PDB file of N, CA and C in Angstrom:
ATOM      1  N   GLN A   1      43.356 -20.157 -44.057  1.00  0.00           N
ATOM      2  CA  GLN A   1      43.830 -19.045 -44.858  1.00  0.00           C
ATOM      3  C   GLN A   1      43.982 -19.516 -46.305  1.00  0.00           C
ATOM      4  N   VAL A   2      43.396 -18.783 -47.228  1.00  0.00           N
ATOM      5  CA  VAL A   2      43.487 -19.111 -48.638  1.00  0.00           C
ATOM      6  C   VAL A   2      44.814 -18.595 -49.179  1.00  0.00           C
ATOM      7  N   GLN A   3      45.532 -19.467 -49.871  1.00  0.00           N
ATOM      8  CA  GLN A   3      46.828 -19.083 -50.400  1.00  0.00           C
ATOM      9  C   GLN A   3      47.170 -19.939 -51.618  1.00  0.00           C
ATOM     10  N   LEU A   4      47.640 -19.285 -52.670  1.00  0.00           N
ATOM     11  CA  LEU A   4      48.168 -19.955 -53.844  1.00  0.00           C
ATOM     12  C   LEU A   4      49.626 -19.550 -53.985  1.00  0.00           C
ATOM     13  N   VAL A   5      50.510 -20.526 -54.081  1.00  0.00           N
ATOM     14  CA  VAL A   5      51.938 -20.252 -54.135  1.00  0.00           C
ATOM     15  C   VAL A   5      52.533 -20.948 -55.344  1.00  0.00           C
ATOM     16  N   GLU A   6      53.028 -20.151 -56.291  1.00  0.00           N
ATOM     17  CA  GLU A   6      53.660 -20.689 -57.490  1.00  0.00           C
ATOM     18  C   GLU A   6      55.152 -20.905 -57.260  1.00  0.00           C
ATOM     19  N   SER A   7      55.705 -21.843 -58.007  1.00  0.00           N
ATOM     20  CA  SER A   7      57.133 -22.079 -57.994  1.00  0.00           C
ATOM     21  C   SER A   7      57.538 -22.719 -59.313  1.00  0.00           C
ATOM     22  N   GLY A   8      58.826 -22.747 -59.586  1.00  0.00           N
ATOM     23  CA  GLY A   8      59.335 -23.423 -60.759  1.00  0.00           C
ATOM     24  C   GLY A   8      59.777 -22.525 -61.894  1.00  0.00           C
ATOM     25  N   GLY A   9      59.560 -21.233 -61.764  1.00  0.00           N
ATOM     26  CA  GLY A   9      59.993 -20.321 -62.807  1.00  0.00           C
ATOM     27  C   GLY A   9      61.503 -20.180 -62.832  1.00  0.00           C
ATOM     28  N   GLY A  10      61.987 -19.531 -63.883  1.00  0.00           N
ATOM     29  CA  GLY A  10      63.415 -19.331 -64.012  1.00  0.00           C
ATOM     30  C   GLY A  10      63.805 -18.935 -65.413  1.00  0.00           C
ATOM     31  N   LEU A  11      65.095 -18.998 -65.681  1.00  0.00           N
ATOM     32  CA  LEU A  11      65.661 -18.650 -66.981  1.00  0.00           C
ATOM     33  C   LEU A  11      65.977 -19.917 -67.753  1.00  0.00           C
ATOM     34  N   VAL A  12      65.458 -20.006 -68.973  1.00  0.00           N
ATOM     35  CA  VAL A  12      65.723 -21.150 -69.839  1.00  0.00           C
ATOM     36  C   VAL A  12      66.013 -20.663 -71.254  1.00  0.00           C
ATOM     37  N   GLN A  13      66.695 -21.501 -72.015  1.00  0.00           N
ATOM     38  CA  GLN A  13      66.986 -21.187 -73.404  1.00  0.00           C
ATOM     39  C   GLN A  13      65.804 -21.543 -74.294  1.00  0.00           C
ATOM     40  N   PRO A  14      65.675 -20.887 -75.439  1.00  0.00           N
ATOM     41  CA  PRO A  14      64.626 -21.276 -76.387  1.00  0.00           C
ATOM     42  C   PRO A  14      64.691 -22.765 -76.692  1.00  0.00           C
ATOM     43  N   GLY A  15      63.517 -23.389 -76.721  1.00  0.00           N
ATOM     44  CA  GLY A  15      63.436 -24.825 -76.930  1.00  0.00           C
ATOM     45  C   GLY A  15      63.479 -25.635 -75.659  1.00  0.00           C
ATOM     46  N   GLY A  16      63.778 -25.001 -74.548  1.00  0.00           N
ATOM     47  CA  GLY A  16      63.862 -25.691 -73.281  1.00  0.00           C
ATOM     48  C   GLY A  16      62.508 -25.911 -72.641  1.00  0.00           C
ATOM     49  N   SER A  17      62.538 -26.471 -71.432  1.00  0.00           N
ATOM     50  CA  SER A  17      61.320 -26.820 -70.716  1.00  0.00           C
ATOM     51  C   SER A  17      61.373 -26.345 -69.280  1.00  0.00           C
ATOM     52  N   LEU A  18      60.205 -26.079 -68.735  1.00  0.00           N
ATOM     53  CA  LEU A  18      60.028 -25.764 -67.330  1.00  0.00           C
ATOM     54  C   LEU A  18      58.722 -26.372 -66.861  1.00  0.00           C
ATOM     55  N   ARG A  19      58.653 -26.689 -65.586  1.00  0.00           N
ATOM     56  CA  ARG A  19      57.416 -27.147 -64.984  1.00  0.00           C
ATOM     57  C   ARG A  19      57.076 -26.238 -63.818  1.00  0.00           C
ATOM     58  N   LEU A  20      55.975 -25.529 -63.942  1.00  0.00           N
ATOM     59  CA  LEU A  20      55.500 -24.667 -62.881  1.00  0.00           C
ATOM     60  C   LEU A  20      54.568 -25.443 -61.956  1.00  0.00           C
ATOM     61  N   SER A  21      54.626 -25.113 -60.680  1.00  0.00           N
ATOM     62  CA  SER A  21      53.768 -25.734 -59.691  1.00  0.00           C
ATOM     63  C   SER A  21      53.004 -24.665 -58.935  1.00  0.00           C
ATOM     64  N   CYS A  22      51.817 -25.013 -58.510  1.00  0.00           N
ATOM     65  CA  CYS A  22      50.993 -24.133 -57.693  1.00  0.00           C
ATOM     66  C   CYS A  22      50.438 -24.941 -56.537  1.00  0.00           C
ATOM     67  N   ALA A  23      50.834 -24.579 -55.333  1.00  0.00           N
ATOM     68  CA  ALA A  23      50.308 -25.200 -54.129  1.00  0.00           C
ATOM     69  C   ALA A  23      49.115 -24.384 -53.651  1.00  0.00           C
ATOM     70  N   ALA A  24      47.959 -25.017 -53.588  1.00  0.00           N
ATOM     71  CA  ALA A  24      46.710 -24.320 -53.290  1.00  0.00           C
ATOM     72  C   ALA A  24      46.202 -24.702 -51.914  1.00  0.00           C
ATOM     73  N   SER A  25      46.250 -23.758 -51.006  1.00  0.00           N
ATOM     74  CA  SER A  25      45.685 -23.959 -49.685  1.00  0.00           C
ATOM     75  C   SER A  25      44.222 -23.528 -49.725  1.00  0.00           C
ATOM     76  N   LEU A  26      43.378 -24.436 -50.183  1.00  0.00           N
ATOM     77  CA  LEU A  26      41.966 -24.155 -50.389  1.00  0.00           C
ATOM     78  C   LEU A  26      41.109 -25.256 -49.793  1.00  0.00           C
ATOM     79  N   ASP A  27      40.063 -24.869 -49.087  1.00  0.00           N
ATOM     80  CA  ASP A  27      39.045 -25.835 -48.720  1.00  0.00           C
ATOM     81  C   ASP A  27      38.272 -26.230 -49.967  1.00  0.00           C
ATOM     82  N   ASN A  28      37.916 -27.488 -50.064  1.00  0.00           N
ATOM     83  CA  ASN A  28      37.152 -27.995 -51.208  1.00  0.00           C
ATOM     84  C   ASN A  28      37.870 -27.720 -52.525  1.00  0.00           C
ATOM     85  N   PHE A  29      39.156 -27.998 -52.549  1.00  0.00           N
ATOM     86  CA  PHE A  29      39.979 -27.736 -53.727  1.00  0.00           C
ATOM     87  C   PHE A  29      39.375 -28.344 -54.989  1.00  0.00           C
ATOM     88  N   MET A  30      38.848 -29.540 -54.882  1.00  0.00           N
ATOM     89  CA  MET A  30      38.353 -30.241 -56.064  1.00  0.00           C
ATOM     90  C   MET A  30      37.148 -29.559 -56.699  1.00  0.00           C
ATOM     91  N   LEU A  31      36.498 -28.654 -55.979  1.00  0.00           N
ATOM     92  CA  LEU A  31      35.356 -27.933 -56.517  1.00  0.00           C
ATOM     93  C   LEU A  31      35.750 -26.664 -57.267  1.00  0.00           C
ATOM     94  N   TYR A  32      37.011 -26.286 -57.188  1.00  0.00           N
ATOM     95  CA  TYR A  32      37.491 -25.094 -57.873  1.00  0.00           C
ATOM     96  C   TYR A  32      37.991 -25.407 -59.269  1.00  0.00           C
ATOM     97  N   GLY A  33      37.685 -24.495 -60.176  1.00  0.00           N
ATOM     98  CA  GLY A  33      38.393 -24.495 -61.428  1.00  0.00           C
ATOM     99  C   GLY A  33      39.746 -23.831 -61.222  1.00  0.00           C
ATOM    100  N   MET A  34      40.763 -24.345 -61.881  1.00  0.00           N
ATOM    101  CA  MET A  34      42.109 -23.811 -61.754  1.00  0.00           C
ATOM    102  C   MET A  34      42.600 -23.352 -63.118  1.00  0.00           C
ATOM    103  N   ALA A  35      43.486 -22.387 -63.103  1.00  0.00           N
ATOM    104  CA  ALA A  35      43.986 -21.848 -64.362  1.00  0.00           C
ATOM    105  C   ALA A  35      45.365 -21.259 -64.183  1.00  0.00           C
ATOM    106  N   TRP A  36      46.072 -21.167 -65.286  1.00  0.00           N
ATOM    107  CA  TRP A  36      47.314 -20.416 -65.367  1.00  0.00           C
ATOM    108  C   TRP A  36      47.109 -19.224 -66.282  1.00  0.00           C
ATOM    109  N   TYR A  37      47.537 -18.077 -65.812  1.00  0.00           N
ATOM    110  CA  TYR A  37      47.573 -16.855 -66.596  1.00  0.00           C
ATOM    111  C   TYR A  37      49.016 -16.389 -66.710  1.00  0.00           C
ATOM    112  N   ARG A  38      49.249 -15.489 -67.638  1.00  0.00           N
ATOM    113  CA  ARG A  38      50.566 -14.878 -67.728  1.00  0.00           C
ATOM    114  C   ARG A  38      50.432 -13.415 -68.128  1.00  0.00           C
ATOM    115  N   GLN A  39      51.444 -12.661 -67.794  1.00  0.00           N
ATOM    116  CA  GLN A  39      51.461 -11.238 -68.104  1.00  0.00           C
ATOM    117  C   GLN A  39      52.818 -10.886 -68.701  1.00  0.00           C
ATOM    118  N   HIS A  40      52.804 -10.528 -69.976  1.00  0.00           N
ATOM    119  CA  HIS A  40      54.017 -10.093 -70.644  1.00  0.00           C
ATOM    120  C   HIS A  40      54.350  -8.675 -70.217  1.00  0.00           C
ATOM    121  N   PRO A  41      55.620  -8.297 -70.299  1.00  0.00           N
ATOM    122  CA  PRO A  41      55.989  -6.923 -69.941  1.00  0.00           C
ATOM    123  C   PRO A  41      55.197  -5.898 -70.732  1.00  0.00           C
ATOM    124  N   GLY A  42      54.571  -4.977 -70.041  1.00  0.00           N
ATOM    125  CA  GLY A  42      53.836  -3.913 -70.682  1.00  0.00           C
ATOM    126  C   GLY A  42      52.485  -4.300 -71.247  1.00  0.00           C
ATOM    127  N   LYS A  43      52.011  -5.519 -70.992  1.00  0.00           N
ATOM    128  CA  LYS A  43      50.734  -5.978 -71.517  1.00  0.00           C
ATOM    129  C   LYS A  43      49.824  -6.458 -70.393  1.00  0.00           C
ATOM    130  N   GLU A  44      48.562  -6.683 -70.730  1.00  0.00           N
ATOM    131  CA  GLU A  44      47.592  -7.152 -69.754  1.00  0.00           C
ATOM    132  C   GLU A  44      47.721  -8.652 -69.525  1.00  0.00           C
ATOM    133  N   ARG A  45      47.252  -9.073 -68.379  1.00  0.00           N
ATOM    134  CA  ARG A  45      47.271 -10.485 -68.040  1.00  0.00           C
ATOM    135  C   ARG A  45      46.371 -11.275 -68.983  1.00  0.00           C
ATOM    136  N   GLU A  46      46.828 -12.448 -69.416  1.00  0.00           N
ATOM    137  CA  GLU A  46      46.082 -13.251 -70.360  1.00  0.00           C
ATOM    138  C   GLU A  46      46.015 -14.704 -69.905  1.00  0.00           C
ATOM    139  N   LEU A  47      44.938 -15.357 -70.285  1.00  0.00           N
ATOM    140  CA  LEU A  47      44.737 -16.756 -69.944  1.00  0.00           C
ATOM    141  C   LEU A  47      45.674 -17.650 -70.741  1.00  0.00           C
ATOM    142  N   VAL A  48      46.224 -18.665 -70.079  1.00  0.00           N
ATOM    143  CA  VAL A  48      47.099 -19.633 -70.723  1.00  0.00           C
ATOM    144  C   VAL A  48      46.417 -20.993 -70.843  1.00  0.00           C
ATOM    145  N   ALA A  49      45.908 -21.507 -69.731  1.00  0.00           N
ATOM    146  CA  ALA A  49      45.300 -22.829 -69.720  1.00  0.00           C
ATOM    147  C   ALA A  49      44.397 -22.965 -68.510  1.00  0.00           C
ATOM    148  N   THR A  50      43.429 -23.862 -68.600  1.00  0.00           N
ATOM    149  CA  THR A  50      42.499 -24.100 -67.506  1.00  0.00           C
ATOM    150  C   THR A  50      42.371 -25.591 -67.225  1.00  0.00           C
ATOM    151  N   ALA A  51      42.107 -25.896 -65.975  1.00  0.00           N
ATOM    152  CA  ALA A  51      41.775 -27.251 -65.540  1.00  0.00           C
ATOM    153  C   ALA A  51      40.518 -27.141 -64.693  1.00  0.00           C
ATOM    154  N   ALA A  52      39.388 -27.480 -65.278  1.00  0.00           N
ATOM    155  CA  ALA A  52      38.108 -27.307 -64.621  1.00  0.00           C
ATOM    156  C   ALA A  52      37.921 -28.298 -63.481  1.00  0.00           C
ATOM    157  N   SER A  53      36.932 -28.020 -62.649  1.00  0.00           N
ATOM    158  CA  SER A  53      36.664 -28.883 -61.505  1.00  0.00           C
ATOM    159  C   SER A  53      36.245 -30.286 -61.923  1.00  0.00           C
ATOM    160  N   ASP A  54      35.705 -30.432 -63.128  1.00  0.00           N
ATOM    161  CA  ASP A  54      35.329 -31.750 -63.628  1.00  0.00           C
ATOM    162  C   ASP A  54      36.495 -32.484 -64.282  1.00  0.00           C
ATOM    163  N   GLY A  55      37.671 -31.864 -64.279  1.00  0.00           N
ATOM    164  CA  GLY A  55      38.854 -32.494 -64.818  1.00  0.00           C
ATOM    165  C   GLY A  55      39.171 -32.159 -66.259  1.00  0.00           C
ATOM    166  N   ILE A  56      38.280 -31.481 -66.942  1.00  0.00           N
ATOM    167  CA  ILE A  56      38.506 -31.111 -68.329  1.00  0.00           C
ATOM    168  C   ILE A  56      39.548 -30.002 -68.409  1.00  0.00           C
ATOM    169  N   THR A  57      40.494 -30.152 -69.303  1.00  0.00           N
ATOM    170  CA  THR A  57      41.544 -29.158 -69.481  1.00  0.00           C
ATOM    171  C   THR A  57      41.455 -28.518 -70.850  1.00  0.00           C
ATOM    172  N   SER A  58      41.995 -27.324 -70.940  1.00  0.00           N
ATOM    173  CA  SER A  58      42.046 -26.617 -72.200  1.00  0.00           C
ATOM    174  C   SER A  58      43.228 -25.674 -72.178  1.00  0.00           C
ATOM    175  N   SER A  59      43.641 -25.237 -73.349  1.00  0.00           N
ATOM    176  CA  SER A  59      44.746 -24.300 -73.452  1.00  0.00           C
ATOM    177  C   SER A  59      44.513 -23.358 -74.615  1.00  0.00           C
ATOM    178  N   GLU A  60      45.128 -22.204 -74.538  1.00  0.00           N
ATOM    179  CA  GLU A  60      44.996 -21.224 -75.588  1.00  0.00           C
ATOM    180  C   GLU A  60      45.830 -21.617 -76.797  1.00  0.00           C
ATOM    181  N   ASP A  61      45.432 -21.092 -77.951  1.00  0.00           N
ATOM    182  CA  ASP A  61      46.083 -21.461 -79.202  1.00  0.00           C
ATOM    183  C   ASP A  61      47.582 -21.179 -79.188  1.00  0.00           C
ATOM    184  N   SER A  62      47.981 -20.121 -78.509  1.00  0.00           N
ATOM    185  CA  SER A  62      49.375 -19.724 -78.516  1.00  0.00           C
ATOM    186  C   SER A  62      50.295 -20.748 -77.858  1.00  0.00           C
ATOM    187  N   VAL A  63      49.740 -21.602 -76.996  1.00  0.00           N
ATOM    188  CA  VAL A  63      50.550 -22.587 -76.287  1.00  0.00           C
ATOM    189  C   VAL A  63      50.116 -24.016 -76.553  1.00  0.00           C
ATOM    190  N   LYS A  64      49.072 -24.192 -77.329  1.00  0.00           N
ATOM    191  CA  LYS A  64      48.532 -25.527 -77.591  1.00  0.00           C
ATOM    192  C   LYS A  64      49.589 -26.414 -78.245  1.00  0.00           C
ATOM    193  N   GLY A  65      49.728 -27.615 -77.711  1.00  0.00           N
ATOM    194  CA  GLY A  65      50.728 -28.536 -78.203  1.00  0.00           C
ATOM    195  C   GLY A  65      52.067 -28.402 -77.528  1.00  0.00           C
ATOM    196  N   ARG A  66      52.267 -27.335 -76.764  1.00  0.00           N
ATOM    197  CA  ARG A  66      53.531 -27.116 -76.069  1.00  0.00           C
ATOM    198  C   ARG A  66      53.367 -27.138 -74.550  1.00  0.00           C
ATOM    199  N   PHE A  67      52.260 -26.581 -74.064  1.00  0.00           N
ATOM    200  CA  PHE A  67      52.004 -26.506 -72.624  1.00  0.00           C
ATOM    201  C   PHE A  67      50.906 -27.489 -72.244  1.00  0.00           C
ATOM    202  N   THR A  68      51.028 -28.065 -71.059  1.00  0.00           N
ATOM    203  CA  THR A  68      50.023 -28.976 -70.543  1.00  0.00           C
ATOM    204  C   THR A  68      49.716 -28.638 -69.089  1.00  0.00           C
ATOM    205  N   ILE A  69      48.454 -28.386 -68.805  1.00  0.00           N
ATOM    206  CA  ILE A  69      48.025 -28.142 -67.435  1.00  0.00           C
ATOM    207  C   ILE A  69      47.510 -29.443 -66.836  1.00  0.00           C
ATOM    208  N   SER A  70      47.755 -29.633 -65.562  1.00  0.00           N
ATOM    209  CA  SER A  70      47.250 -30.803 -64.862  1.00  0.00           C
ATOM    210  C   SER A  70      47.006 -30.444 -63.406  1.00  0.00           C
ATOM    211  N   ARG A  71      46.227 -31.275 -62.729  1.00  0.00           N
ATOM    212  CA  ARG A  71      45.949 -31.027 -61.323  1.00  0.00           C
ATOM    213  C   ARG A  71      45.950 -32.331 -60.552  1.00  0.00           C
ATOM    214  N   ASP A  72      46.346 -32.232 -59.302  1.00  0.00           N
ATOM    215  CA  ASP A  72      46.355 -33.357 -58.391  1.00  0.00           C
ATOM    216  C   ASP A  72      45.468 -32.969 -57.217  1.00  0.00           C
ATOM    217  N   ASN A  73      44.249 -33.446 -57.216  1.00  0.00           N
ATOM    218  CA  ASN A  73      43.292 -33.042 -56.194  1.00  0.00           C
ATOM    219  C   ASN A  73      43.667 -33.543 -54.803  1.00  0.00           C
ATOM    220  N   ALA A  74      44.315 -34.686 -54.730  1.00  0.00           N
ATOM    221  CA  ALA A  74      44.718 -35.226 -53.441  1.00  0.00           C
ATOM    222  C   ALA A  74      45.776 -34.349 -52.783  1.00  0.00           C
ATOM    223  N   LYS A  75      46.701 -33.838 -53.590  1.00  0.00           N
ATOM    224  CA  LYS A  75      47.777 -32.996 -53.078  1.00  0.00           C
ATOM    225  C   LYS A  75      47.436 -31.514 -53.110  1.00  0.00           C
ATOM    226  N   LYS A  76      46.353 -31.150 -53.775  1.00  0.00           N
ATOM    227  CA  LYS A  76      45.966 -29.752 -53.964  1.00  0.00           C
ATOM    228  C   LYS A  76      47.059 -28.982 -54.697  1.00  0.00           C
ATOM    229  N   PHE A  77      47.502 -29.544 -55.793  1.00  0.00           N
ATOM    230  CA  PHE A  77      48.524 -28.936 -56.633  1.00  0.00           C
ATOM    231  C   PHE A  77      48.016 -28.805 -58.058  1.00  0.00           C
ATOM    232  N   VAL A  78      48.465 -27.757 -58.714  1.00  0.00           N
ATOM    233  CA  VAL A  78      48.237 -27.558 -60.141  1.00  0.00           C
ATOM    234  C   VAL A  78      49.586 -27.357 -60.802  1.00  0.00           C
ATOM    235  N   TYR A  79      49.741 -27.925 -61.992  1.00  0.00           N
ATOM    236  CA  TYR A  79      51.019 -27.861 -62.689  1.00  0.00           C
ATOM    237  C   TYR A  79      50.842 -27.304 -64.091  1.00  0.00           C
ATOM    238  N   LEU A  80      51.895 -26.718 -64.584  1.00  0.00           N
ATOM    239  CA  LEU A  80      51.949 -26.303 -65.979  1.00  0.00           C
ATOM    240  C   LEU A  80      53.279 -26.771 -66.553  1.00  0.00           C
ATOM    241  N   GLN A  81      53.221 -27.814 -67.365  1.00  0.00           N
ATOM    242  CA  GLN A  81      54.409 -28.309 -68.050  1.00  0.00           C
ATOM    243  C   GLN A  81      54.585 -27.515 -69.323  1.00  0.00           C
ATOM    244  N   MET A  82      55.720 -26.859 -69.462  1.00  0.00           N
ATOM    245  CA  MET A  82      55.995 -25.991 -70.596  1.00  0.00           C
ATOM    246  C   MET A  82      57.170 -26.551 -71.375  1.00  0.00           C
ATOM    247  N   ASN A  83      56.919 -26.930 -72.613  1.00  0.00           N
ATOM    248  CA  ASN A  83      57.942 -27.459 -73.496  1.00  0.00           C
ATOM    249  C   ASN A  83      58.098 -26.558 -74.709  1.00  0.00           C
ATOM    250  N   SER A  84      59.199 -26.735 -75.416  1.00  0.00           N
ATOM    251  CA  SER A  84      59.475 -25.964 -76.625  1.00  0.00           C
ATOM    252  C   SER A  84      59.279 -24.473 -76.394  1.00  0.00           C
ATOM    253  N   LEU A  85      59.858 -23.993 -75.333  1.00  0.00           N
ATOM    254  CA  LEU A  85      59.657 -22.602 -74.942  1.00  0.00           C
ATOM    255  C   LEU A  85      60.244 -21.635 -75.962  1.00  0.00           C
ATOM    256  N   LYS A  86      59.550 -20.533 -76.131  1.00  0.00           N
ATOM    257  CA  LYS A  86      59.931 -19.486 -77.065  1.00  0.00           C
ATOM    258  C   LYS A  86      60.168 -18.189 -76.311  1.00  0.00           C
ATOM    259  N   PRO A  87      60.963 -17.285 -76.882  1.00  0.00           N
ATOM    260  CA  PRO A  87      61.170 -15.993 -76.217  1.00  0.00           C
ATOM    261  C   PRO A  87      59.863 -15.265 -75.898  1.00  0.00           C
ATOM    262  N   GLU A  88      58.852 -15.414 -76.742  1.00  0.00           N
ATOM    263  CA  GLU A  88      57.579 -14.754 -76.500  1.00  0.00           C
ATOM    264  C   GLU A  88      56.789 -15.356 -75.343  1.00  0.00           C
ATOM    265  N   ASP A  89      57.270 -16.465 -74.781  1.00  0.00           N
ATOM    266  CA  ASP A  89      56.662 -17.024 -73.580  1.00  0.00           C
ATOM    267  C   ASP A  89      57.143 -16.317 -72.320  1.00  0.00           C
ATOM    268  N   THR A  90      58.117 -15.447 -72.455  1.00  0.00           N
ATOM    269  CA  THR A  90      58.631 -14.705 -71.308  1.00  0.00           C
ATOM    270  C   THR A  90      57.517 -13.885 -70.676  1.00  0.00           C
ATOM    271  N   ALA A  91      57.277 -14.104 -69.397  1.00  0.00           N
ATOM    272  CA  ALA A  91      56.188 -13.439 -68.698  1.00  0.00           C
ATOM    273  C   ALA A  91      56.224 -13.832 -67.230  1.00  0.00           C
ATOM    274  N   VAL A  92      55.421 -13.148 -66.449  1.00  0.00           N
ATOM    275  CA  VAL A  92      55.130 -13.590 -65.100  1.00  0.00           C
ATOM    276  C   VAL A  92      53.898 -14.482 -65.166  1.00  0.00           C
ATOM    277  N   TYR A  93      54.005 -15.678 -64.632  1.00  0.00           N
ATOM    278  CA  TYR A  93      52.927 -16.653 -64.680  1.00  0.00           C
ATOM    279  C   TYR A  93      52.223 -16.721 -63.334  1.00  0.00           C
ATOM    280  N   TYR A  94      50.894 -16.683 -63.378  1.00  0.00           N
ATOM    281  CA  TYR A  94      50.070 -16.644 -62.180  1.00  0.00           C
ATOM    282  C   TYR A  94      49.135 -17.835 -62.097  1.00  0.00           C
ATOM    283  N   CYS A  95      49.019 -18.384 -60.915  1.00  0.00           N
ATOM    284  CA  CYS A  95      48.050 -19.421 -60.625  1.00  0.00           C
ATOM    285  C   CYS A  95      46.735 -18.780 -60.211  1.00  0.00           C
ATOM    286  N   ASN A  96      45.638 -19.336 -60.698  1.00  0.00           N
ATOM    287  CA  ASN A  96      44.307 -18.802 -60.434  1.00  0.00           C
ATOM    288  C   ASN A  96      43.371 -19.920 -59.989  1.00  0.00           C
ATOM    289  N   ALA A  97      42.553 -19.618 -58.996  1.00  0.00           N
ATOM    290  CA  ALA A  97      41.503 -20.524 -58.550  1.00  0.00           C
ATOM    291  C   ALA A  97      40.179 -19.781 -58.568  1.00  0.00           C
ATOM    292  N   HIS A  98      39.126 -20.447 -59.031  1.00  0.00           N
ATOM    293  CA  HIS A  98      37.836 -19.778 -59.138  1.00  0.00           C
ATOM    294  C   HIS A  98      36.688 -20.756 -58.906  1.00  0.00           C
ATOM    295  N   LYS A  99      35.679 -20.265 -58.199  1.00  0.00           N
ATOM    296  CA  LYS A  99      34.454 -21.015 -57.960  1.00  0.00           C
ATOM    297  C   LYS A  99      33.346 -20.009 -57.707  1.00  0.00           C
ATOM    298  N   TRP A 100      32.350 -20.008 -58.576  1.00  0.00           N
ATOM    299  CA  TRP A 100      31.296 -19.015 -58.543  1.00  0.00           C
ATOM    300  C   TRP A 100      31.931 -17.627 -58.568  1.00  0.00           C
ATOM    301  N   ASP A 101      31.649 -16.787 -57.578  1.00  0.00           N
ATOM    302  CA  ASP A 101      32.207 -15.439 -57.567  1.00  0.00           C
ATOM    303  C   ASP A 101      33.491 -15.326 -56.752  1.00  0.00           C
ATOM    304  N   ARG A 102      34.047 -16.446 -56.349  1.00  0.00           N
ATOM    305  CA  ARG A 102      35.295 -16.432 -55.607  1.00  0.00           C
ATOM    306  C   ARG A 102      36.469 -16.605 -56.557  1.00  0.00           C
ATOM    307  N   ILE A 103      37.415 -15.700 -56.481  1.00  0.00           N
ATOM    308  CA  ILE A 103      38.598 -15.722 -57.324  1.00  0.00           C
ATOM    309  C   ILE A 103      39.831 -15.461 -56.465  1.00  0.00           C
ATOM    310  N   TYR A 104      40.828 -16.293 -56.624  1.00  0.00           N
ATOM    311  CA  TYR A 104      42.077 -16.144 -55.895  1.00  0.00           C
ATOM    312  C   TYR A 104      43.253 -16.193 -56.854  1.00  0.00           C
ATOM    313  N   TRP A 105      44.306 -15.461 -56.494  1.00  0.00           N
ATOM    314  CA  TRP A 105      45.510 -15.376 -57.316  1.00  0.00           C
ATOM    315  C   TRP A 105      46.750 -15.667 -56.499  1.00  0.00           C
ATOM    316  N   GLY A 106      47.715 -16.283 -57.136  1.00  0.00           N
ATOM    317  CA  GLY A 106      49.020 -16.425 -56.538  1.00  0.00           C
ATOM    318  C   GLY A 106      49.854 -15.179 -56.760  1.00  0.00           C
ATOM    319  N   GLN A 107      51.068 -15.198 -56.243  1.00  0.00           N
ATOM    320  CA  GLN A 107      51.941 -14.028 -56.338  1.00  0.00           C
ATOM    321  C   GLN A 107      52.680 -13.937 -57.659  1.00  0.00           C
ATOM    322  N   GLY A 108      52.698 -15.010 -58.414  1.00  0.00           N
ATOM    323  CA  GLY A 108      53.356 -15.033 -59.703  1.00  0.00           C
ATOM    324  C   GLY A 108      54.772 -15.570 -59.634  1.00  0.00           C
ATOM    325  N   THR A 109      55.214 -16.145 -60.745  1.00  0.00           N
ATOM    326  CA  THR A 109      56.585 -16.611 -60.871  1.00  0.00           C
ATOM    327  C   THR A 109      57.116 -16.233 -62.247  1.00  0.00           C
ATOM    328  N   GLN A 110      58.323 -15.724 -62.287  1.00  0.00           N
ATOM    329  CA  GLN A 110      58.904 -15.209 -63.520  1.00  0.00           C
ATOM    330  C   GLN A 110      59.455 -16.337 -64.376  1.00  0.00           C
ATOM    331  N   VAL A 111      59.090 -16.319 -65.654  1.00  0.00           N
ATOM    332  CA  VAL A 111      59.657 -17.218 -66.650  1.00  0.00           C
ATOM    333  C   VAL A 111      60.329 -16.360 -67.715  1.00  0.00           C
ATOM    334  N   THR A 112      61.606 -16.604 -67.930  1.00  0.00           N
ATOM    335  CA  THR A 112      62.357 -15.865 -68.933  1.00  0.00           C
ATOM    336  C   THR A 112      62.983 -16.846 -69.908  1.00  0.00           C
ATOM    337  N   VAL A 113      62.685 -16.673 -71.187  1.00  0.00           N
ATOM    338  CA  VAL A 113      63.207 -17.537 -72.242  1.00  0.00           C
ATOM    339  C   VAL A 113      64.151 -16.700 -73.087  1.00  0.00           C
ATOM    340  N   SER A 114      65.427 -17.001 -72.990  1.00  0.00           N
ATOM    341  CA  SER A 114      66.428 -16.185 -73.661  1.00  0.00           C
ATOM    342  C   SER A 114      67.715 -16.972 -73.836  1.00  0.00           C
ATOM    343  N   SER A 115      68.457 -16.626 -74.886  1.00  0.00           N
ATOM    344  CA  SER A 115      69.765 -17.208 -75.111  1.00  0.00           C
ATOM    345  C   SER A 115      70.847 -16.455 -74.357  1.00  0.00           C
TER     346      SER A 115
END
């Protein structure tokens, strides 16, 4: 059964940090590209960062220098380390796995940055 399960979200103050985790129950995990997306209230889902199957990572300009995506192929986990959090980072964060035309999504985890 294919399943992506996110965890680690919560309420933090501006400037704080969180580490999101995604447990991926996938056959051939190392062949999938992995990504984190987020959806702000009232807006469409947007890409945050990617970790390709070849190990190359990238992040969007809005989080560059603050967020770091990583993957552990042995454990089938993907992480998103979030530092220097801002109120505008408040969103539901989703784990994504993709390979060719196969796309899978996690259920999402809420991140709220507020004083």
